[in-house]
Amino acid sequence: MLKVDFHTHTRYSHDSLTSIEAFINAARRSGLDRVVVTDHNNFRGALLAAKAAPELVIVGEEVQTSEGEFLAAFVTEELPRGLEPLEALKRLKDQGAFISISHPFDPQRSGWSQRTLDLVTPQVDAIEVFNARVIRPVYNQHAQEYAAALGMPGTAGSDAHHHSEIGCVYSVVPDFTDAVGMRAAISEARVRGRVSSPLVHVYSTGVKLARRIWKDL
């Protein structure tokens, strides 16, 4: 069985300063077997991390659509921000990516209308049922109930923006090597971990503000 964090960020996200080296070291210290790097609308950091630690890192992307966000793993083509949900979904499917939906019921971060969520959910591989950065645990509960009602499997992720968060939440799944194997493995996933302190949002908000002032951060 593998310990997999499905949702993480590096300095290639606008709200994180985690270097590739610090990211990899933290993932190894946390005991993860695999970690999906899902920076916002780019996979530059994921490619660098996968090159440095190919046995550990899976290339992914968190794709901000015109509504909510998709989490994708085994990405081979970067998607831009702001695509219509169905267009983003098609592009991810065309490259064979594993697709889940980020924090679907967190009102501060979801962005999905219920109509669109109901439309896209049957077309993805999983729903993020445990996100460590939710302000209220009930948002994860709603995601778990929604997934269960649809018979959908769930992913779990730290949504780490600071290296200390990596691996605080993860899924335990059977071994896999590619997107097809991940789809099979996720049906047996077990969630482990804890919700992060709300103070982690102070860090990522501060990073965003700092980068507006110091462009070279």
N, C-alpha and C. Protein backbone atom coordinates (compact mmCIF):
# COMPACT_ATOMS: atom_id res chain seq x y z
N MET A 1 0.84 -1.19 0.00
CA MET A 1 0.00 0.00 0.00
C MET A 1 0.88 1.25 0.00
N LEU A 2 0.41 2.29 -0.66
CA LEU A 2 1.16 3.53 -0.80
C LEU A 2 0.48 4.66 -0.04
N LYS A 3 1.29 5.56 0.51
CA LYS A 3 0.79 6.81 1.09
C LYS A 3 0.96 7.90 0.04
N VAL A 4 -0.18 8.49 -0.38
CA VAL A 4 -0.16 9.45 -1.49
C VAL A 4 -0.86 10.74 -1.08
N ASP A 5 -0.14 11.84 -1.20
CA ASP A 5 -0.72 13.18 -1.03
C ASP A 5 -1.08 13.68 -2.43
N PHE A 6 -2.38 13.85 -2.69
CA PHE A 6 -2.87 14.16 -4.03
C PHE A 6 -2.89 15.65 -4.36
N HIS A 7 -2.52 16.53 -3.41
CA HIS A 7 -2.73 17.96 -3.64
C HIS A 7 -1.66 18.76 -2.92
N THR A 8 -0.68 19.28 -3.66
CA THR A 8 0.42 20.04 -3.06
C THR A 8 0.88 21.15 -4.01
N HIS A 9 1.64 22.09 -3.44
CA HIS A 9 2.11 23.24 -4.22
C HIS A 9 3.58 23.52 -3.94
N THR A 10 4.24 24.10 -4.94
CA THR A 10 5.62 24.56 -4.81
C THR A 10 5.66 26.07 -5.10
N ARG A 11 6.86 26.61 -5.16
CA ARG A 11 7.02 28.05 -5.42
C ARG A 11 6.54 28.45 -6.82
N TYR A 12 6.21 27.49 -7.63
CA TYR A 12 5.67 27.80 -8.95
C TYR A 12 4.17 28.09 -8.91
N SER A 13 3.57 27.99 -7.72
CA SER A 13 2.25 28.56 -7.48
C SER A 13 2.44 29.97 -6.94
N HIS A 14 1.51 30.86 -7.26
CA HIS A 14 1.65 32.27 -6.89
C HIS A 14 1.55 32.50 -5.39
N ASP A 15 1.08 31.48 -4.64
CA ASP A 15 0.87 31.64 -3.20
C ASP A 15 1.73 30.69 -2.37
N SER A 16 2.86 30.29 -2.91
CA SER A 16 3.79 29.42 -2.19
C SER A 16 5.22 29.83 -2.50
N LEU A 17 6.10 29.61 -1.54
CA LEU A 17 7.53 29.87 -1.75
C LEU A 17 8.37 28.61 -1.54
N THR A 18 7.74 27.45 -1.53
CA THR A 18 8.44 26.19 -1.26
C THR A 18 9.34 25.81 -2.44
N SER A 19 10.63 25.75 -2.19
CA SER A 19 11.56 25.37 -3.24
C SER A 19 11.40 23.88 -3.57
N ILE A 20 11.88 23.47 -4.73
CA ILE A 20 11.80 22.07 -5.12
C ILE A 20 12.57 21.19 -4.14
N GLU A 21 13.75 21.64 -3.73
CA GLU A 21 14.55 20.86 -2.78
C GLU A 21 13.81 20.71 -1.45
N ALA A 22 13.27 21.81 -0.92
CA ALA A 22 12.54 21.74 0.35
C ALA A 22 11.30 20.87 0.22
N PHE A 23 10.65 20.95 -0.92
CA PHE A 23 9.46 20.14 -1.16
C PHE A 23 9.79 18.65 -1.09
N ILE A 24 10.79 18.25 -1.82
CA ILE A 24 11.15 16.82 -1.88
C ILE A 24 11.61 16.33 -0.51
N ASN A 25 12.42 17.11 0.17
CA ASN A 25 12.88 16.70 1.50
C ASN A 25 11.72 16.53 2.46
N ALA A 26 10.76 17.46 2.41
CA ALA A 26 9.60 17.38 3.31
C ALA A 26 8.74 16.18 2.99
N ALA A 27 8.55 15.90 1.71
CA ALA A 27 7.73 14.75 1.31
C ALA A 27 8.36 13.45 1.79
N ARG A 28 9.66 13.36 1.70
CA ARG A 28 10.35 12.15 2.16
C ARG A 28 10.30 12.03 3.68
N ARG A 29 10.48 13.15 4.38
CA ARG A 29 10.41 13.11 5.85
C ARG A 29 9.03 12.69 6.32
N SER A 30 8.00 13.06 5.59
CA SER A 30 6.63 12.73 6.01
C SER A 30 6.27 11.28 5.75
N GLY A 31 7.14 10.56 5.05
CA GLY A 31 6.90 9.15 4.80
C GLY A 31 6.01 8.86 3.60
N LEU A 32 5.81 9.86 2.74
CA LEU A 32 4.98 9.64 1.55
C LEU A 32 5.70 8.73 0.57
N ASP A 33 4.92 7.90 -0.11
CA ASP A 33 5.46 7.08 -1.20
C ASP A 33 5.30 7.77 -2.54
N ARG A 34 4.23 8.56 -2.69
CA ARG A 34 4.00 9.34 -3.89
C ARG A 34 3.40 10.69 -3.48
N VAL A 35 3.66 11.71 -4.27
CA VAL A 35 3.07 13.02 -4.02
C VAL A 35 2.79 13.67 -5.37
N VAL A 36 1.58 14.18 -5.53
CA VAL A 36 1.20 14.84 -6.78
C VAL A 36 1.43 16.34 -6.62
N VAL A 37 2.28 16.90 -7.45
CA VAL A 37 2.52 18.35 -7.44
C VAL A 37 1.46 19.00 -8.32
N THR A 38 0.63 19.85 -7.71
CA THR A 38 -0.52 20.43 -8.41
C THR A 38 -0.49 21.95 -8.30
N ASP A 39 0.53 22.55 -8.86
CA ASP A 39 0.61 24.01 -8.85
C ASP A 39 -0.52 24.61 -9.68
N HIS A 40 -0.83 25.87 -9.39
CA HIS A 40 -1.95 26.54 -10.04
C HIS A 40 -1.64 26.83 -11.51
N ASN A 41 -2.35 26.16 -12.39
CA ASN A 41 -2.31 26.44 -13.83
C ASN A 41 -0.92 26.45 -14.45
N ASN A 42 -0.03 25.62 -13.90
CA ASN A 42 1.24 25.37 -14.57
C ASN A 42 1.84 24.10 -13.99
N PHE A 43 2.72 23.46 -14.75
CA PHE A 43 3.36 22.25 -14.22
C PHE A 43 4.88 22.32 -14.26
N ARG A 44 5.40 23.56 -14.27
CA ARG A 44 6.86 23.72 -14.31
C ARG A 44 7.51 23.14 -13.05
N GLY A 45 6.96 23.47 -11.89
CA GLY A 45 7.51 22.93 -10.66
C GLY A 45 7.36 21.42 -10.58
N ALA A 46 6.24 20.90 -11.05
CA ALA A 46 6.02 19.46 -11.04
C ALA A 46 7.06 18.74 -11.91
N LEU A 47 7.36 19.30 -13.08
CA LEU A 47 8.35 18.68 -13.95
C LEU A 47 9.73 18.67 -13.31
N LEU A 48 10.10 19.79 -12.67
CA LEU A 48 11.39 19.87 -12.01
C LEU A 48 11.48 18.88 -10.84
N ALA A 49 10.40 18.80 -10.07
CA ALA A 49 10.39 17.88 -8.93
C ALA A 49 10.43 16.43 -9.39
N ALA A 50 9.70 16.11 -10.46
CA ALA A 50 9.69 14.75 -10.97
C ALA A 50 11.06 14.36 -11.54
N LYS A 51 11.75 15.33 -12.13
CA LYS A 51 13.09 15.05 -12.63
C LYS A 51 14.06 14.77 -11.49
N ALA A 52 13.90 15.50 -10.38
CA ALA A 52 14.78 15.33 -9.22
C ALA A 52 14.44 14.08 -8.42
N ALA A 53 13.17 13.69 -8.40
CA ALA A 53 12.75 12.54 -7.59
C ALA A 53 11.66 11.76 -8.33
N PRO A 54 12.02 11.09 -9.42
CA PRO A 54 11.02 10.42 -10.25
C PRO A 54 10.27 9.29 -9.56
N GLU A 55 10.89 8.70 -8.54
CA GLU A 55 10.21 7.62 -7.82
C GLU A 55 9.15 8.14 -6.86
N LEU A 56 9.16 9.43 -6.59
CA LEU A 56 8.29 10.05 -5.58
C LEU A 56 7.22 10.93 -6.19
N VAL A 57 7.57 11.75 -7.17
CA VAL A 57 6.71 12.84 -7.64
C VAL A 57 5.90 12.45 -8.88
N ILE A 58 4.63 12.80 -8.85
CA ILE A 58 3.74 12.66 -10.00
C ILE A 58 3.44 14.06 -10.51
N VAL A 59 3.56 14.25 -11.82
CA VAL A 59 3.31 15.56 -12.42
C VAL A 59 1.80 15.82 -12.49
N GLY A 60 1.39 16.93 -11.89
CA GLY A 60 -0.02 17.29 -11.89
C GLY A 60 -0.21 18.79 -12.07
N GLU A 61 -1.45 19.21 -11.96
CA GLU A 61 -1.79 20.63 -12.10
C GLU A 61 -3.14 20.86 -11.44
N GLU A 62 -3.29 22.00 -10.75
CA GLU A 62 -4.60 22.43 -10.29
C GLU A 62 -5.11 23.45 -11.30
N VAL A 63 -6.17 23.08 -12.00
CA VAL A 63 -6.65 23.86 -13.14
C VAL A 63 -7.83 24.71 -12.71
N GLN A 64 -7.64 26.03 -12.70
CA GLN A 64 -8.72 26.97 -12.40
C GLN A 64 -9.52 27.20 -13.67
N THR A 65 -10.78 26.76 -13.67
CA THR A 65 -11.65 26.98 -14.82
C THR A 65 -12.40 28.30 -14.61
N SER A 66 -13.36 28.57 -15.46
CA SER A 66 -14.18 29.77 -15.29
C SER A 66 -15.09 29.65 -14.08
N GLU A 67 -15.18 28.45 -13.52
CA GLU A 67 -15.90 28.27 -12.24
C GLU A 67 -14.93 27.70 -11.21
N GLY A 68 -15.02 26.41 -10.93
CA GLY A 68 -14.17 25.81 -9.91
C GLY A 68 -12.87 25.26 -10.47
N GLU A 69 -12.23 24.41 -9.66
CA GLU A 69 -10.91 23.88 -10.01
C GLU A 69 -10.93 22.36 -10.12
N PHE A 70 -10.18 21.86 -11.10
CA PHE A 70 -9.90 20.44 -11.21
C PHE A 70 -8.50 20.17 -10.66
N LEU A 71 -8.33 19.00 -10.05
CA LEU A 71 -7.02 18.48 -9.69
C LEU A 71 -6.69 17.39 -10.69
N ALA A 72 -5.55 17.49 -11.35
CA ALA A 72 -5.18 16.50 -12.35
C ALA A 72 -3.81 15.91 -12.02
N ALA A 73 -3.68 14.61 -12.28
CA ALA A 73 -2.42 13.90 -12.09
C ALA A 73 -2.05 13.20 -13.38
N PHE A 74 -0.74 12.96 -13.56
CA PHE A 74 -0.20 12.40 -14.80
C PHE A 74 -0.54 13.32 -15.98
N VAL A 75 -0.26 14.59 -15.78
CA VAL A 75 -0.49 15.62 -16.79
C VAL A 75 0.70 15.66 -17.75
N THR A 76 0.41 15.76 -19.04
CA THR A 76 1.47 15.88 -20.04
C THR A 76 1.40 17.19 -20.81
N GLU A 77 0.31 17.92 -20.67
CA GLU A 77 0.14 19.20 -21.33
C GLU A 77 -0.46 20.20 -20.36
N GLU A 78 0.19 21.34 -20.20
CA GLU A 78 -0.26 22.37 -19.26
C GLU A 78 -1.53 23.05 -19.77
N LEU A 79 -2.49 23.27 -18.88
CA LEU A 79 -3.72 23.97 -19.23
C LEU A 79 -3.70 25.39 -18.69
N PRO A 80 -4.19 26.35 -19.46
CA PRO A 80 -4.24 27.74 -18.99
C PRO A 80 -5.40 27.96 -18.04
N ARG A 81 -5.35 29.05 -17.33
CA ARG A 81 -6.41 29.44 -16.43
C ARG A 81 -7.63 29.94 -17.21
N GLY A 82 -8.84 29.67 -16.66
CA GLY A 82 -10.04 30.32 -17.14
C GLY A 82 -10.81 29.62 -18.23
N LEU A 83 -10.42 28.38 -18.59
CA LEU A 83 -11.20 27.64 -19.58
C LEU A 83 -12.58 27.32 -19.02
N GLU A 84 -13.56 27.16 -19.90
CA GLU A 84 -14.85 26.65 -19.47
C GLU A 84 -14.67 25.24 -18.92
N PRO A 85 -15.42 24.87 -17.88
CA PRO A 85 -15.20 23.56 -17.25
C PRO A 85 -15.20 22.38 -18.22
N LEU A 86 -16.14 22.33 -19.14
CA LEU A 86 -16.19 21.20 -20.07
C LEU A 86 -15.02 21.18 -21.03
N GLU A 87 -14.52 22.36 -21.41
CA GLU A 87 -13.34 22.43 -22.26
C GLU A 87 -12.10 21.95 -21.51
N ALA A 88 -11.95 22.39 -20.27
CA ALA A 88 -10.82 21.92 -19.45
C ALA A 88 -10.89 20.41 -19.25
N LEU A 89 -12.08 19.92 -18.97
CA LEU A 89 -12.27 18.49 -18.76
C LEU A 89 -11.88 17.71 -20.01
N LYS A 90 -12.30 18.19 -21.18
CA LYS A 90 -11.96 17.51 -22.43
C LYS A 90 -10.45 17.48 -22.64
N ARG A 91 -9.78 18.60 -22.40
CA ARG A 91 -8.33 18.65 -22.61
C ARG A 91 -7.59 17.71 -21.66
N LEU A 92 -8.06 17.61 -20.43
CA LEU A 92 -7.44 16.68 -19.48
C LEU A 92 -7.67 15.24 -19.88
N LYS A 93 -8.89 14.94 -20.32
CA LYS A 93 -9.20 13.58 -20.77
C LYS A 93 -8.39 13.21 -22.00
N ASP A 94 -8.22 14.16 -22.91
CA ASP A 94 -7.47 13.89 -24.14
C ASP A 94 -6.03 13.48 -23.86
N GLN A 95 -5.46 13.96 -22.75
CA GLN A 95 -4.09 13.57 -22.43
C GLN A 95 -4.03 12.41 -21.44
N GLY A 96 -5.18 11.83 -21.11
CA GLY A 96 -5.21 10.65 -20.26
C GLY A 96 -4.99 10.91 -18.79
N ALA A 97 -5.15 12.17 -18.35
CA ALA A 97 -4.89 12.51 -16.95
C ALA A 97 -5.93 11.90 -16.01
N PHE A 98 -5.52 11.66 -14.80
CA PHE A 98 -6.44 11.32 -13.71
C PHE A 98 -7.01 12.64 -13.20
N ILE A 99 -8.34 12.71 -13.05
CA ILE A 99 -9.00 13.98 -12.74
C ILE A 99 -9.88 13.86 -11.50
N SER A 100 -9.69 14.79 -10.58
CA SER A 100 -10.62 14.93 -9.45
C SER A 100 -11.02 16.40 -9.33
N ILE A 101 -11.91 16.69 -8.39
CA ILE A 101 -12.44 18.04 -8.21
C ILE A 101 -11.95 18.60 -6.88
N SER A 102 -11.33 19.78 -6.92
CA SER A 102 -10.76 20.37 -5.71
C SER A 102 -11.84 20.89 -4.76
N HIS A 103 -11.67 20.60 -3.47
CA HIS A 103 -12.48 21.16 -2.39
C HIS A 103 -13.85 21.68 -2.85
N PRO A 104 -14.74 20.78 -3.29
CA PRO A 104 -15.97 21.22 -3.99
C PRO A 104 -16.97 21.97 -3.14
N PHE A 105 -16.92 21.83 -1.81
CA PHE A 105 -17.93 22.47 -0.98
C PHE A 105 -17.37 23.50 -0.01
N ASP A 106 -16.15 23.94 -0.27
CA ASP A 106 -15.56 25.01 0.53
C ASP A 106 -16.01 26.34 -0.06
N PRO A 107 -16.89 27.07 0.60
CA PRO A 107 -17.46 28.28 -0.01
C PRO A 107 -16.44 29.36 -0.30
N GLN A 108 -15.32 29.38 0.40
CA GLN A 108 -14.28 30.37 0.13
C GLN A 108 -13.45 30.02 -1.10
N ARG A 109 -13.45 28.74 -1.49
CA ARG A 109 -12.50 28.32 -2.54
C ARG A 109 -13.12 27.46 -3.63
N SER A 110 -14.36 27.08 -3.52
CA SER A 110 -14.93 26.15 -4.49
C SER A 110 -15.12 26.79 -5.86
N GLY A 111 -16.06 27.72 -5.94
CA GLY A 111 -16.34 28.36 -7.22
C GLY A 111 -17.35 27.64 -8.09
N TRP A 112 -17.67 26.40 -7.73
CA TRP A 112 -18.60 25.63 -8.55
C TRP A 112 -20.05 26.01 -8.24
N SER A 113 -20.85 26.23 -9.29
CA SER A 113 -22.29 26.25 -9.08
C SER A 113 -22.73 24.80 -8.93
N GLN A 114 -23.81 24.57 -8.22
CA GLN A 114 -24.27 23.20 -8.02
C GLN A 114 -24.61 22.55 -9.36
N ARG A 115 -25.17 23.34 -10.27
CA ARG A 115 -25.53 22.81 -11.59
C ARG A 115 -24.30 22.29 -12.33
N THR A 116 -23.22 23.09 -12.35
CA THR A 116 -22.01 22.66 -13.06
C THR A 116 -21.34 21.50 -12.34
N LEU A 117 -21.33 21.55 -11.02
CA LEU A 117 -20.73 20.46 -10.25
C LEU A 117 -21.44 19.15 -10.57
N ASP A 118 -22.77 19.18 -10.60
CA ASP A 118 -23.54 17.97 -10.91
C ASP A 118 -23.28 17.50 -12.34
N LEU A 119 -22.95 18.44 -13.23
CA LEU A 119 -22.68 18.10 -14.62
C LEU A 119 -21.32 17.44 -14.79
N VAL A 120 -20.27 17.98 -14.13
CA VAL A 120 -18.92 17.48 -14.37
C VAL A 120 -18.55 16.28 -13.50
N THR A 121 -19.15 16.17 -12.33
CA THR A 121 -18.74 15.11 -11.42
C THR A 121 -18.82 13.71 -12.02
N PRO A 122 -19.89 13.34 -12.72
CA PRO A 122 -19.92 12.00 -13.29
C PRO A 122 -18.85 11.75 -14.35
N GLN A 123 -18.19 12.81 -14.82
CA GLN A 123 -17.20 12.68 -15.88
C GLN A 123 -15.76 12.65 -15.38
N VAL A 124 -15.57 12.77 -14.06
CA VAL A 124 -14.21 12.74 -13.50
C VAL A 124 -13.96 11.41 -12.81
N ASP A 125 -12.72 11.23 -12.34
CA ASP A 125 -12.33 9.97 -11.72
C ASP A 125 -12.60 9.93 -10.22
N ALA A 126 -12.63 11.10 -9.58
CA ALA A 126 -12.77 11.14 -8.12
C ALA A 126 -13.15 12.55 -7.69
N ILE A 127 -13.49 12.67 -6.42
CA ILE A 127 -13.77 13.95 -5.78
C ILE A 127 -12.80 14.10 -4.61
N GLU A 128 -12.27 15.28 -4.40
CA GLU A 128 -11.44 15.51 -3.23
C GLU A 128 -12.35 15.54 -2.00
N VAL A 129 -12.28 14.48 -1.20
CA VAL A 129 -13.18 14.35 -0.05
C VAL A 129 -12.54 14.80 1.25
N PHE A 130 -11.21 15.02 1.23
CA PHE A 130 -10.53 15.54 2.43
C PHE A 130 -9.42 16.48 1.99
N ASN A 131 -9.62 17.75 2.27
CA ASN A 131 -8.64 18.79 1.99
C ASN A 131 -8.22 19.39 3.33
N ALA A 132 -6.93 19.38 3.61
CA ALA A 132 -6.45 19.80 4.93
C ALA A 132 -6.64 21.28 5.19
N ARG A 133 -6.85 22.08 4.15
CA ARG A 133 -6.91 23.53 4.32
C ARG A 133 -8.34 24.07 4.43
N VAL A 134 -9.32 23.23 4.57
CA VAL A 134 -10.67 23.77 4.78
C VAL A 134 -10.72 24.48 6.13
N ILE A 135 -11.46 25.58 6.19
CA ILE A 135 -11.62 26.31 7.44
C ILE A 135 -12.51 25.55 8.41
N ARG A 136 -13.52 24.89 7.87
CA ARG A 136 -14.45 24.11 8.69
C ARG A 136 -14.49 22.67 8.20
N PRO A 137 -14.28 21.68 9.08
CA PRO A 137 -14.29 20.28 8.67
C PRO A 137 -15.59 19.83 8.00
N VAL A 138 -16.69 20.54 8.25
CA VAL A 138 -17.96 20.16 7.65
C VAL A 138 -17.90 20.24 6.13
N TYR A 139 -17.00 21.07 5.58
CA TYR A 139 -16.87 21.16 4.12
C TYR A 139 -16.37 19.83 3.55
N ASN A 140 -15.45 19.19 4.27
CA ASN A 140 -15.01 17.85 3.85
C ASN A 140 -16.13 16.84 4.02
N GLN A 141 -16.88 16.97 5.08
CA GLN A 141 -18.00 16.05 5.31
C GLN A 141 -19.00 16.12 4.16
N HIS A 142 -19.30 17.35 3.71
CA HIS A 142 -20.22 17.51 2.59
C HIS A 142 -19.68 16.83 1.32
N ALA A 143 -18.37 16.96 1.10
CA ALA A 143 -17.75 16.33 -0.07
C ALA A 143 -17.83 14.81 0.04
N GLN A 144 -17.59 14.29 1.23
CA GLN A 144 -17.68 12.84 1.43
C GLN A 144 -19.09 12.33 1.19
N GLU A 145 -20.07 13.06 1.67
CA GLU A 145 -21.47 12.65 1.49
C GLU A 145 -21.88 12.73 0.02
N TYR A 146 -21.42 13.75 -0.66
CA TYR A 146 -21.73 13.92 -2.08
C TYR A 146 -21.13 12.77 -2.89
N ALA A 147 -19.86 12.46 -2.62
CA ALA A 147 -19.20 11.37 -3.32
C ALA A 147 -19.90 10.04 -3.05
N ALA A 148 -20.25 9.81 -1.79
CA ALA A 148 -20.90 8.56 -1.44
C ALA A 148 -22.25 8.42 -2.15
N ALA A 149 -22.99 9.52 -2.23
CA ALA A 149 -24.30 9.48 -2.86
C ALA A 149 -24.20 9.13 -4.35
N LEU A 150 -23.09 9.50 -4.97
CA LEU A 150 -22.88 9.23 -6.39
C LEU A 150 -22.07 7.97 -6.64
N GLY A 151 -21.61 7.33 -5.57
CA GLY A 151 -20.76 6.16 -5.72
C GLY A 151 -19.39 6.47 -6.27
N MET A 152 -18.89 7.69 -5.96
CA MET A 152 -17.61 8.14 -6.48
C MET A 152 -16.49 7.91 -5.45
N PRO A 153 -15.30 7.52 -5.90
CA PRO A 153 -14.17 7.45 -4.97
C PRO A 153 -13.66 8.84 -4.61
N GLY A 154 -12.84 8.91 -3.58
CA GLY A 154 -12.36 10.20 -3.10
C GLY A 154 -10.85 10.26 -2.95
N THR A 155 -10.29 11.45 -3.21
CA THR A 155 -8.88 11.70 -2.96
C THR A 155 -8.73 12.54 -1.70
N ALA A 156 -7.53 12.52 -1.14
CA ALA A 156 -7.20 13.33 0.05
C ALA A 156 -5.87 14.02 -0.19
N GLY A 157 -5.79 15.28 0.26
CA GLY A 157 -4.56 16.02 0.05
C GLY A 157 -4.33 17.09 1.07
N SER A 158 -3.08 17.40 1.30
CA SER A 158 -2.72 18.44 2.25
C SER A 158 -3.00 19.83 1.71
N ASP A 159 -3.01 19.97 0.37
CA ASP A 159 -3.10 21.29 -0.26
C ASP A 159 -1.96 22.17 0.25
N ALA A 160 -0.82 21.54 0.50
CA ALA A 160 0.31 22.22 1.12
C ALA A 160 0.83 23.36 0.27
N HIS A 161 1.00 24.51 0.91
CA HIS A 161 1.66 25.66 0.30
C HIS A 161 2.99 25.95 1.00
N HIS A 162 3.14 25.48 2.22
CA HIS A 162 4.40 25.53 2.96
C HIS A 162 4.88 24.09 3.13
N HIS A 163 6.18 23.91 3.10
CA HIS A 163 6.71 22.53 3.14
C HIS A 163 6.32 21.77 4.40
N SER A 164 6.05 22.49 5.50
CA SER A 164 5.67 21.81 6.74
C SER A 164 4.30 21.14 6.66
N GLU A 165 3.49 21.52 5.68
CA GLU A 165 2.16 20.95 5.53
C GLU A 165 2.14 19.65 4.73
N ILE A 166 3.17 19.39 3.97
CA ILE A 166 3.17 18.26 3.05
C ILE A 166 2.99 16.95 3.81
N GLY A 167 2.04 16.16 3.39
CA GLY A 167 1.80 14.85 3.99
C GLY A 167 0.98 14.86 5.25
N CYS A 168 0.45 16.02 5.65
CA CYS A 168 -0.38 16.03 6.86
C CYS A 168 -1.72 15.33 6.60
N VAL A 169 -2.10 15.23 5.34
CA VAL A 169 -3.25 14.44 4.90
C VAL A 169 -2.82 13.64 3.69
N TYR A 170 -3.26 12.40 3.62
CA TYR A 170 -2.90 11.56 2.47
C TYR A 170 -3.92 10.43 2.33
N SER A 171 -3.87 9.77 1.19
CA SER A 171 -4.67 8.57 0.95
C SER A 171 -3.75 7.36 1.00
N VAL A 172 -4.26 6.26 1.53
CA VAL A 172 -3.57 4.97 1.48
C VAL A 172 -4.23 4.15 0.39
N VAL A 173 -3.45 3.78 -0.63
CA VAL A 173 -4.01 3.09 -1.81
C VAL A 173 -3.08 1.96 -2.24
N PRO A 174 -3.61 1.00 -3.01
CA PRO A 174 -2.72 -0.02 -3.60
C PRO A 174 -1.73 0.60 -4.57
N ASP A 175 -0.68 -0.14 -4.87
CA ASP A 175 0.38 0.35 -5.74
C ASP A 175 -0.16 0.64 -7.14
N PHE A 176 0.43 1.61 -7.82
CA PHE A 176 0.08 1.98 -9.18
C PHE A 176 1.28 2.65 -9.82
N THR A 177 1.28 2.73 -11.14
CA THR A 177 2.40 3.35 -11.84
C THR A 177 1.97 4.40 -12.86
N ASP A 178 0.66 4.47 -13.15
CA ASP A 178 0.20 5.41 -14.17
C ASP A 178 -1.24 5.81 -13.86
N ALA A 179 -1.83 6.63 -14.74
CA ALA A 179 -3.18 7.12 -14.49
C ALA A 179 -4.20 6.00 -14.47
N VAL A 180 -4.03 5.00 -15.34
CA VAL A 180 -4.95 3.86 -15.35
C VAL A 180 -4.89 3.12 -14.02
N GLY A 181 -3.68 2.89 -13.54
CA GLY A 181 -3.52 2.23 -12.25
C GLY A 181 -4.05 3.05 -11.10
N MET A 182 -3.88 4.39 -11.18
CA MET A 182 -4.41 5.26 -10.14
C MET A 182 -5.93 5.17 -10.08
N ARG A 183 -6.58 5.10 -11.24
CA ARG A 183 -8.04 4.98 -11.26
C ARG A 183 -8.50 3.71 -10.58
N ALA A 184 -7.76 2.63 -10.78
CA ALA A 184 -8.12 1.38 -10.12
C ALA A 184 -7.83 1.44 -8.63
N ALA A 185 -6.72 2.05 -8.27
CA ALA A 185 -6.30 2.09 -6.86
C ALA A 185 -7.21 2.96 -6.01
N ILE A 186 -7.72 4.06 -6.58
CA ILE A 186 -8.45 5.03 -5.77
C ILE A 186 -9.75 4.45 -5.22
N SER A 187 -10.27 3.42 -5.85
CA SER A 187 -11.50 2.81 -5.35
C SER A 187 -11.30 2.15 -4.00
N GLU A 188 -10.04 1.90 -3.62
CA GLU A 188 -9.73 1.27 -2.33
C GLU A 188 -9.08 2.26 -1.37
N ALA A 189 -9.16 3.55 -1.66
CA ALA A 189 -8.46 4.55 -0.85
C ALA A 189 -9.01 4.66 0.56
N ARG A 190 -8.10 4.86 1.50
CA ARG A 190 -8.45 5.17 2.88
C ARG A 190 -7.78 6.49 3.26
N VAL A 191 -8.52 7.40 3.84
CA VAL A 191 -8.02 8.73 4.18
C VAL A 191 -7.35 8.70 5.55
N ARG A 192 -6.20 9.38 5.64
CA ARG A 192 -5.49 9.52 6.90
C ARG A 192 -5.05 10.98 7.04
N GLY A 193 -4.99 11.47 8.28
CA GLY A 193 -4.45 12.80 8.52
C GLY A 193 -5.40 13.71 9.25
N ARG A 194 -5.09 15.01 9.22
CA ARG A 194 -5.80 15.98 10.03
C ARG A 194 -5.92 17.30 9.27
N VAL A 195 -6.91 18.08 9.64
CA VAL A 195 -7.08 19.42 9.08
C VAL A 195 -5.98 20.33 9.62
N SER A 196 -5.45 21.19 8.77
CA SER A 196 -4.39 22.12 9.17
C SER A 196 -4.96 23.28 9.99
N SER A 197 -4.08 23.96 10.71
CA SER A 197 -4.46 25.17 11.42
C SER A 197 -4.90 26.24 10.43
N PRO A 198 -5.91 27.03 10.76
CA PRO A 198 -6.30 28.14 9.87
C PRO A 198 -5.17 29.12 9.60
N LEU A 199 -4.14 29.12 10.44
CA LEU A 199 -3.03 30.04 10.25
C LEU A 199 -2.25 29.79 8.97
N VAL A 200 -2.41 28.60 8.37
CA VAL A 200 -1.70 28.35 7.12
C VAL A 200 -2.16 29.31 6.02
N HIS A 201 -3.38 29.80 6.13
CA HIS A 201 -3.89 30.74 5.13
C HIS A 201 -3.23 32.10 5.26
N VAL A 202 -2.77 32.43 6.47
CA VAL A 202 -2.04 33.69 6.66
C VAL A 202 -0.75 33.64 5.85
N TYR A 203 -0.10 32.49 5.87
CA TYR A 203 1.15 32.33 5.11
C TYR A 203 0.92 32.54 3.62
N SER A 204 -0.03 31.81 3.03
CA SER A 204 -0.22 31.89 1.58
C SER A 204 -0.74 33.26 1.15
N THR A 205 -1.57 33.88 1.99
CA THR A 205 -2.02 35.24 1.68
C THR A 205 -0.85 36.21 1.72
N GLY A 206 0.03 36.04 2.71
CA GLY A 206 1.21 36.89 2.79
C GLY A 206 2.13 36.73 1.60
N VAL A 207 2.27 35.48 1.11
CA VAL A 207 3.10 35.25 -0.08
C VAL A 207 2.53 35.99 -1.28
N LYS A 208 1.22 35.91 -1.47
CA LYS A 208 0.59 36.60 -2.60
C LYS A 208 0.83 38.11 -2.53
N LEU A 209 0.68 38.68 -1.34
CA LEU A 209 0.91 40.11 -1.18
C LEU A 209 2.36 40.47 -1.43
N ALA A 210 3.28 39.65 -0.91
CA ALA A 210 4.70 39.93 -1.07
C ALA A 210 5.11 39.87 -2.54
N ARG A 211 4.53 38.95 -3.27
CA ARG A 211 4.89 38.81 -4.68
C ARG A 211 4.35 39.97 -5.54
N ARG A 212 3.30 40.61 -5.06
CA ARG A 212 2.83 41.80 -5.77
C ARG A 212 3.80 42.96 -5.61
N ILE A 213 4.53 42.95 -4.49
CA ILE A 213 5.49 44.01 -4.22
C ILE A 213 6.87 43.68 -4.78
N TRP A 214 7.31 42.43 -4.50
CA TRP A 214 8.63 41.98 -4.97
C TRP A 214 8.43 40.93 -6.03
N LYS A 215 8.49 41.32 -7.27
CA LYS A 215 8.14 40.45 -8.38
C LYS A 215 9.09 39.28 -8.55
N ASP A 216 10.31 39.37 -7.98
CA ASP A 216 11.29 38.33 -8.21
C ASP A 216 11.27 37.25 -7.13
N LEU A 217 10.30 37.29 -6.22
CA LEU A 217 10.20 36.25 -5.19
C LEU A 217 9.86 34.89 -5.81
